[in-house]
């Protein structure tokens, strides 16, 4: 139960101590893993219609988050767009809800997923996703703990460094090039200029190219930034 970790959670959200923000994210996701019985946990953030993974507890959760960005569908995408929790206790019984994501996740051994939106007022700033290998719902205690941790994750993304003015969500995340993926945002900016489109369309073109070429979105973004891939208005890329 999270009740055993309230002191730790309070310390994670205290803006005073000199603590690396990414270390706080890592510990919060690990705490979520412990109290929900999840196999993997991933936190994402969304800015200007671009969604990126901040941290994942394992490679599989990281890949599943990337897959959803590439396909433009999945529980994390749905939670972000709707601002509502997406709780699926049995992916096999989801009735084709996500035609591309579900079979891929199931093949990897993920059979249940629970995603909570991270919201600050009316703004949807990201998601906290829990992947589980076993079929079955979160019990009442696990659900309440996951909800509290999702609220805490939103606060955590808004924390500024000690002595600094409060910053917009994700400012410190974007500055951490060792963990965050700034190349995705850079690629969106490049594509916006090249195609004269807005951020949503630019991101959609990048995702379409990643899907068409079966290439991870991060790799496509890096190639665009390096000038080795240039997207055309019909979403095709020229190497």
Protein backbone atom coordinates (compact mmCIF):
# COMPACT_ATOMS: atom_id res chain seq x y z
CA UNK A 1 0.00 0.00 0.00
CA UNK A 2 1.08 3.55 -0.70
CA UNK A 3 0.35 4.36 2.94
CA UNK A 4 3.72 2.82 3.73
CA UNK A 5 5.40 5.25 1.32
CA UNK A 6 3.67 8.55 2.15
CA UNK A 7 6.81 10.02 3.73
CA UNK A 8 8.86 9.13 0.68
CA UNK A 9 6.24 10.53 -1.68
CA UNK A 10 6.10 13.77 0.30
CA UNK A 11 9.89 14.04 0.08
CA UNK A 12 9.79 13.50 -3.68
CA UNK A 13 7.38 16.42 -4.09
CA UNK A 14 9.23 18.79 -1.75
CA UNK A 15 10.71 21.52 -3.99
CA UNK A 16 13.25 22.50 -1.36
CA UNK A 17 15.93 19.78 -1.27
CA UNK A 18 18.70 19.73 -3.84
CA UNK A 19 17.44 16.64 -5.63
CA UNK A 20 17.84 15.77 -9.30
CA UNK A 21 14.34 16.00 -10.85
CA UNK A 22 14.94 12.94 -13.01
CA UNK A 23 15.90 10.95 -9.93
CA UNK A 24 12.51 11.90 -8.48
CA UNK A 25 10.74 10.73 -11.63
CA UNK A 26 12.65 7.46 -11.53
CA UNK A 27 11.71 6.82 -7.92
CA UNK A 28 8.07 7.78 -8.45
CA UNK A 29 7.75 5.33 -11.36
CA UNK A 30 9.46 2.62 -9.30
CA UNK A 31 7.08 3.32 -6.41
CA UNK A 32 4.16 3.00 -8.84
CA UNK A 33 5.58 -0.32 -10.00
CA UNK A 34 5.72 -1.56 -6.42
CA UNK A 35 2.22 -0.57 -5.30
CA UNK A 36 0.23 -1.50 -8.42
CA UNK A 37 1.75 -4.88 -9.25
CA UNK A 38 2.59 -3.63 -12.75
CA UNK A 39 5.22 -5.27 -14.92
CA UNK A 40 6.35 -1.91 -16.26
CA UNK A 41 5.58 1.79 -15.81
CA UNK A 42 6.16 4.71 -18.19
CA UNK A 43 5.67 8.45 -17.77
CA UNK A 44 5.19 10.65 -20.82
CA UNK A 45 4.83 14.36 -21.37
CA UNK A 46 3.10 16.29 -24.15
CA UNK A 47 3.98 19.78 -25.35
CA UNK A 48 2.75 21.50 -28.51
CA UNK A 49 1.03 18.32 -29.69
CA UNK A 50 4.24 16.29 -29.39
CA UNK A 51 4.32 13.41 -26.93
CA UNK A 52 7.57 11.93 -25.61
CA UNK A 53 8.50 9.40 -22.95
CA UNK A 54 10.19 10.97 -19.93
CA UNK A 55 11.06 7.69 -18.21
CA UNK A 56 10.20 3.99 -18.41
CA UNK A 57 11.09 1.33 -15.86
CA UNK A 58 11.91 -1.23 -18.58
CA UNK A 59 12.66 -1.49 -22.28
CA UNK A 60 9.30 -3.07 -23.14
CA UNK A 61 7.27 -0.21 -21.64
CA UNK A 62 9.51 2.24 -23.48
CA UNK A 63 8.93 0.42 -26.78
CA UNK A 64 5.17 0.26 -26.27
CA UNK A 65 5.03 4.01 -25.66
CA UNK A 66 7.04 4.59 -28.86
CA UNK A 67 4.79 2.19 -30.77
CA UNK A 68 1.70 4.21 -29.82
CA UNK A 69 3.30 7.41 -31.09
CA UNK A 70 4.15 5.68 -34.35
CA UNK A 71 0.67 4.16 -34.81
CA UNK A 72 -1.22 7.18 -33.49
CA UNK A 73 -3.33 4.88 -31.33
CA UNK A 74 -3.26 3.07 -28.01
CA UNK A 75 -4.25 3.54 -24.38
CA UNK A 76 -1.74 6.30 -23.62
CA UNK A 77 -2.76 8.27 -26.72
CA UNK A 78 -6.43 7.86 -25.81
CA UNK A 79 -5.87 8.95 -22.19
CA UNK A 80 -3.94 12.01 -23.32
CA UNK A 81 -6.54 13.08 -25.86
CA UNK A 82 -9.58 12.43 -23.68
CA UNK A 83 -8.17 13.46 -20.33
CA UNK A 84 -9.76 10.32 -18.88
CA UNK A 85 -8.22 7.20 -17.38
CA UNK A 86 -8.01 4.20 -19.69
CA UNK A 87 -8.26 0.96 -17.73
CA UNK A 88 -8.09 -2.29 -19.69
CA UNK A 89 -7.90 -5.43 -17.59
CA UNK A 90 -7.80 -7.78 -20.60
CA UNK A 91 -6.36 -6.51 -23.87
CA UNK A 92 -7.57 -9.60 -25.74
CA UNK A 93 -11.15 -8.61 -24.92
CA UNK A 94 -10.80 -4.99 -26.04
CA UNK A 95 -12.80 -5.69 -29.25
CA UNK A 96 -10.36 -4.22 -31.74
CA UNK A 97 -10.14 -0.93 -29.87
CA UNK A 98 -6.55 -0.48 -31.03
CA UNK A 99 -6.06 -2.62 -34.11
CA UNK A 100 -2.29 -2.13 -34.30
CA UNK A 101 -1.29 -1.73 -30.69
CA UNK A 102 -3.22 -4.61 -29.07
CA UNK A 103 -1.73 -7.54 -31.02
CA UNK A 104 1.78 -6.08 -30.71
CA UNK A 105 1.45 -5.66 -26.93
CA UNK A 106 -0.10 -9.10 -26.51
CA UNK A 107 2.70 -10.69 -28.50
CA UNK A 108 5.17 -9.08 -26.08
CA UNK A 109 3.34 -10.62 -23.12
CA UNK A 110 1.40 -7.53 -21.98
CA UNK A 111 -2.23 -8.42 -21.25
CA UNK A 112 -3.50 -5.50 -19.17
CA UNK A 113 -2.81 -1.76 -19.22
CA UNK A 114 -3.87 1.12 -17.02
CA UNK A 115 -3.18 4.71 -18.04
CA UNK A 116 -3.87 7.84 -16.01
CA UNK A 117 -3.76 11.30 -17.58
CA UNK A 118 -1.52 13.96 -16.06
CA UNK A 119 -3.54 17.16 -15.97
CA UNK A 120 -2.85 20.68 -14.78
CA UNK A 121 -6.19 22.47 -14.84
CA UNK A 122 -7.60 22.11 -18.35
CA UNK A 123 -4.19 21.25 -19.81
CA UNK A 124 -3.28 17.63 -20.51
CA UNK A 125 0.45 17.47 -19.86
CA UNK A 126 1.15 13.76 -20.14
CA UNK A 127 0.31 10.25 -18.95
CA UNK A 128 1.36 7.67 -16.40
CA UNK A 129 1.00 4.18 -17.88
CA UNK A 130 1.12 0.82 -16.11
CA UNK A 131 1.64 -2.36 -18.15
CA UNK A 132 0.96 -5.79 -16.64
CA UNK A 133 1.59 -9.31 -17.87
CA UNK A 134 -1.37 -10.77 -15.94
CA UNK A 135 -5.02 -10.33 -16.92
CA UNK A 136 -7.14 -8.63 -14.28
CA UNK A 137 -8.16 -5.21 -12.97
CA UNK A 138 -6.45 -3.04 -10.40
CA UNK A 139 -7.99 -3.66 -7.01
CA UNK A 140 -9.44 -0.71 -5.09
CA UNK A 141 -6.25 0.00 -3.19
CA UNK A 142 -4.08 -0.25 -6.31
CA UNK A 143 -6.42 2.07 -8.21
CA UNK A 144 -6.37 4.70 -5.45
CA UNK A 145 -2.59 4.47 -5.17
CA UNK A 146 -2.16 4.80 -8.94
CA UNK A 147 -4.45 7.83 -8.99
CA UNK A 148 -2.48 9.52 -6.20
CA UNK A 149 0.80 8.80 -7.99
CA UNK A 150 -0.57 10.25 -11.23
CA UNK A 151 -1.49 13.44 -9.38
CA UNK A 152 1.98 13.46 -7.85
CA UNK A 153 3.58 12.96 -11.27
CA UNK A 154 1.83 16.08 -12.54
CA UNK A 155 3.14 18.09 -9.61
CA UNK A 156 6.60 16.66 -10.13
CA UNK A 157 6.71 17.82 -13.73
CA UNK A 158 5.86 21.35 -12.55
CA UNK A 159 8.61 21.60 -9.92
CA UNK A 160 11.39 24.11 -10.47
CA UNK A 161 14.87 23.98 -9.07
CA UNK A 162 15.35 25.36 -5.55
CA UNK A 163 15.39 29.18 -5.55
CA UNK A 164 14.02 29.47 -9.08
CA UNK A 165 10.66 30.75 -10.20
CA UNK A 166 8.05 28.06 -11.05
CA UNK A 167 8.48 26.84 -14.61
CA UNK A 168 6.10 25.56 -17.23
CA UNK A 169 5.56 21.83 -17.27
CA UNK A 170 8.44 20.02 -18.93
CA UNK A 171 11.01 22.88 -18.91
CA UNK A 172 13.49 20.90 -16.82
CA UNK A 173 12.63 17.71 -18.71
CA UNK A 174 13.39 19.28 -22.06
CA UNK A 175 16.71 20.46 -20.69
CA UNK A 176 17.81 16.96 -19.70
CA UNK A 177 19.18 15.74 -23.00
CA UNK A 178 20.57 12.59 -21.39
CA UNK A 179 17.11 11.19 -20.65
CA UNK A 180 14.50 13.12 -22.65
CA UNK A 181 14.29 13.05 -26.44
CA UNK A 182 14.78 16.61 -27.65
CA UNK A 183 15.43 15.32 -31.17
CA UNK A 184 11.70 14.60 -31.56
CA UNK A 185 10.86 18.23 -30.83
CA UNK A 186 13.71 19.41 -33.05
CA UNK A 187 12.46 17.20 -35.87
CA UNK A 188 8.97 18.65 -35.48
CA UNK A 189 10.44 22.15 -35.76
CA UNK A 190 12.42 21.22 -38.88
CA UNK A 191 9.37 19.61 -40.49
CA UNK A 192 7.17 22.62 -39.65
CA UNK A 193 9.57 24.89 -41.52
CA UNK A 194 10.09 22.53 -44.46
CA UNK A 195 6.40 21.78 -45.03
CA UNK A 196 4.90 25.02 -43.67
CA UNK A 197 2.57 23.14 -41.31
CA UNK A 198 1.69 23.32 -37.62
CA UNK A 199 3.19 21.12 -34.89
CA UNK A 200 0.33 18.62 -34.92
CA UNK A 201 0.63 17.99 -38.67
CA UNK A 202 4.42 17.92 -38.50
CA UNK A 203 4.37 15.27 -35.77
CA UNK A 204 1.77 13.29 -37.72
CA UNK A 205 4.04 13.29 -40.81
CA UNK A 206 6.97 12.04 -38.74
CA UNK A 207 4.84 9.28 -37.22
CA UNK A 208 3.51 8.29 -40.66
CA UNK A 209 7.05 7.97 -42.00
CA UNK A 210 8.11 5.91 -38.98
CA UNK A 211 5.15 3.58 -39.49
CA UNK A 212 5.67 3.27 -43.26
CA UNK A 213 9.36 2.45 -42.89
CA UNK A 214 8.99 0.36 -39.70
CA UNK A 215 11.54 2.61 -37.99
CA UNK A 216 11.43 3.78 -34.34
CA UNK A 217 10.20 7.36 -34.14
CA UNK A 218 13.33 8.46 -32.29
CA UNK A 219 15.52 7.18 -35.14
CA UNK A 220 13.40 8.97 -37.74
CA UNK A 221 13.60 12.20 -35.72
CA UNK A 222 17.39 11.98 -35.49
CA UNK A 223 17.64 11.41 -39.25
CA UNK A 224 15.44 14.45 -39.94
CA UNK A 225 17.49 16.66 -37.64
CA UNK A 226 20.71 15.44 -39.31
CA UNK A 227 19.27 16.21 -42.74
CA UNK A 228 19.42 12.61 -43.94
CA UNK A 229 15.62 12.36 -44.20
CA UNK A 230 13.36 15.07 -45.59
CA UNK A 231 9.61 14.54 -45.49
CA UNK A 232 7.47 15.56 -48.41
CA UNK A 233 3.85 16.81 -48.29
CA UNK A 234 2.62 13.31 -49.17
CA UNK A 235 4.37 11.98 -46.01
CA UNK A 236 7.02 10.12 -47.97
CA UNK A 237 10.62 10.53 -46.93
CA UNK A 238 13.60 10.99 -49.20
CA UNK A 239 16.88 9.66 -47.86
